[in-house]
Amino acid sequence: MFTDEAEFSRTAITNFHNNHYWAEENSHLIEESHHQEQFSLNVWVGLIVNYFIGPFFLPNRLNGPAYRQFLEEELPLLLEAVPLLVRNIMWFMHDGAPAHLSREAREFSNNTFNNRWIGRWARTMASYDPRFK
């Protein structure tokens, strides 16, 4: 299962090069770029075979315990639509985010995914499958 997170906010970089405004007369258009109210969303999604998992909204400041809580409590609910056979053989991919590298997340991933997870600090194939030694 390939996964990733992205943060969306009002203060994100905006590409004004592709904006085009058409008017009968020059309206001296002003593009508002600073806003009084700020928001930010941290969105997680996954993709396995032909199943789209999520989206799930994570805390804006994701840490190890919060990510482990997501893996332990929310991810199983999100995976209910995926057949059990697929879930039993899938590999789970983390990226290099600090929360993914926390001891809590790594221990949970090792125990839950039977060492079938990809990311920094993951055990190699040779460490648990004698065919790869």
Protein backbone atom coordinates (compact mmCIF):
# COMPACT_ATOMS: atom_id res chain seq x y z
CA MET A 1 0.00 0.00 0.00
CA PHE A 2 1.48 3.31 -1.08
CA THR A 3 0.68 6.15 1.31
CA ASP A 4 1.42 9.81 1.61
CA GLU A 5 0.36 12.90 3.47
CA ALA A 6 0.00 16.47 2.30
CA GLU A 7 -0.68 19.71 4.11
CA PHE A 8 -3.11 22.18 2.60
CA SER A 9 -3.31 25.72 3.92
CA ARG A 10 -4.47 29.14 2.89
CA THR A 11 -0.91 30.44 3.07
CA ALA A 12 0.46 27.85 0.66
CA ILE A 13 2.39 28.91 -2.42
CA THR A 14 0.09 30.03 -5.20
CA ASN A 15 1.08 29.89 -8.85
CA PHE A 16 -0.25 33.17 -10.30
CA HIS A 17 1.35 32.52 -13.69
CA ASN A 18 -1.58 30.32 -14.76
CA ASN A 19 -4.30 32.76 -13.62
CA HIS A 20 -6.02 34.67 -16.40
CA TYR A 21 -8.75 37.27 -15.89
CA TRP A 22 -10.90 38.55 -18.71
CA ALA A 23 -12.90 41.76 -18.49
CA GLU A 24 -14.36 44.24 -20.93
CA GLU A 25 -12.46 47.05 -19.26
CA ASN A 26 -9.39 47.17 -17.05
CA SER A 27 -10.74 46.51 -13.58
CA HIS A 28 -7.32 46.72 -11.88
CA LEU A 29 -7.96 43.36 -10.36
CA ILE A 30 -6.43 42.83 -6.94
CA GLU A 31 -5.71 39.25 -5.90
CA GLU A 32 -6.12 38.80 -2.17
CA SER A 33 -3.08 36.98 -0.79
CA HIS A 34 -3.20 37.57 2.97
CA HIS A 35 -6.16 36.48 5.02
CA GLN A 36 -7.19 37.20 8.56
CA GLU A 37 -8.40 33.66 9.19
CA GLN A 38 -5.83 30.90 8.73
CA PHE A 39 -6.43 27.19 8.30
CA SER A 40 -4.35 24.13 7.63
CA LEU A 41 -5.26 20.49 6.90
CA ASN A 42 -2.97 17.46 7.05
CA VAL A 43 -4.49 14.79 4.79
CA TRP A 44 -3.43 11.12 4.55
CA VAL A 45 -4.39 8.79 1.68
CA GLY A 46 -3.39 5.31 0.62
CA LEU A 47 -3.54 3.25 -2.56
CA ILE A 48 -3.50 -0.54 -2.70
CA VAL A 49 -4.20 -2.53 -5.86
CA ASN A 50 -7.26 -0.65 -7.15
CA TYR A 51 -8.54 0.56 -3.77
CA PHE A 52 -8.27 4.19 -2.74
CA ILE A 53 -7.96 4.41 1.07
CA GLY A 54 -9.01 7.60 2.82
CA PRO A 55 -8.76 10.49 2.90
CA PHE A 56 -8.11 10.80 6.61
CA PHE A 57 -7.37 14.10 8.35
CA LEU A 58 -4.38 13.84 10.68
CA PRO A 59 -3.39 16.38 13.34
CA ASN A 60 -1.53 19.36 11.90
CA ARG A 61 1.47 18.71 14.14
CA LEU A 62 1.82 14.97 13.71
CA ASN A 63 4.05 13.20 16.24
CA GLY A 64 4.94 9.57 16.95
CA PRO A 65 2.17 8.79 19.46
CA ALA A 66 -0.50 10.42 17.27
CA TYR A 67 0.71 8.52 14.20
CA ARG A 68 0.73 5.24 16.11
CA GLN A 69 -2.82 5.97 17.28
CA PHE A 70 -3.79 6.48 13.64
CA LEU A 71 -2.16 3.17 12.64
CA GLU A 72 -3.73 1.30 15.56
CA GLU A 73 -7.25 2.74 15.64
CA GLU A 74 -8.10 4.43 12.33
CA LEU A 75 -6.21 2.48 9.67
CA PRO A 76 -8.04 -0.83 10.33
CA LEU A 77 -11.35 0.96 9.83
CA LEU A 78 -10.12 2.51 6.58
CA LEU A 79 -8.95 -0.91 5.34
CA GLU A 80 -12.29 -2.66 5.89
CA ALA A 81 -13.20 -2.34 2.19
CA VAL A 82 -9.99 -4.11 1.13
CA PRO A 83 -10.32 -7.91 0.93
CA LEU A 84 -8.65 -9.81 3.77
CA LEU A 85 -6.46 -11.75 1.33
CA VAL A 86 -5.00 -8.49 0.02
CA ARG A 87 -4.50 -7.09 3.53
CA ASN A 88 -2.65 -10.23 4.63
CA ILE A 89 -0.04 -9.99 1.87
CA MET A 90 0.26 -6.22 1.46
CA TRP A 91 3.35 -4.21 2.28
CA PHE A 92 2.79 -0.87 4.03
CA MET A 93 4.88 2.07 2.84
CA HIS A 94 5.92 4.93 5.14
CA ASP A 95 7.82 7.94 3.92
CA GLY A 96 10.61 9.63 5.85
CA ALA A 97 8.43 11.87 8.02
CA PRO A 98 9.71 12.11 11.61
CA ALA A 99 6.46 10.72 13.04
CA HIS A 100 6.84 7.62 10.86
CA LEU A 101 10.33 7.04 12.25
CA SER A 102 9.27 7.21 15.90
CA ARG A 103 9.87 4.16 18.05
CA GLU A 104 6.12 3.78 18.66
CA ALA A 105 5.31 3.71 14.93
CA ARG A 106 8.18 1.34 14.07
CA GLU A 107 7.31 -1.11 16.85
CA PHE A 108 3.66 -1.12 15.85
CA SER A 109 4.55 -1.57 12.17
CA ASN A 110 6.90 -4.47 12.94
CA ASN A 111 4.26 -6.24 15.03
CA THR A 112 1.20 -5.50 12.91
CA PHE A 113 2.53 -5.82 9.38
CA ASN A 114 4.78 -8.79 10.21
CA ASN A 115 7.79 -6.74 9.13
CA ARG A 116 6.16 -6.10 5.74
CA TRP A 117 6.60 -2.37 5.75
CA ILE A 118 8.82 -0.08 3.75
CA GLY A 119 10.53 2.99 5.16
CA ARG A 120 13.62 4.13 6.94
CA TRP A 121 14.57 1.86 9.83
CA ALA A 122 12.55 -1.01 8.37
CA ARG A 123 14.11 -4.44 8.70
CA THR A 124 15.52 -5.84 5.49
CA MET A 125 14.18 -8.94 3.76
CA ALA A 126 17.29 -10.91 4.79
CA SER A 127 16.67 -10.28 8.45
CA TYR A 128 13.49 -12.35 8.58
CA ASP A 129 13.23 -14.41 5.37
CA PRO A 130 15.98 -17.06 4.91
CA ARG A 131 15.46 -17.07 1.12
CA PHE A 132 17.03 -13.59 0.95
CA LYS A 133 20.23 -14.32 2.94
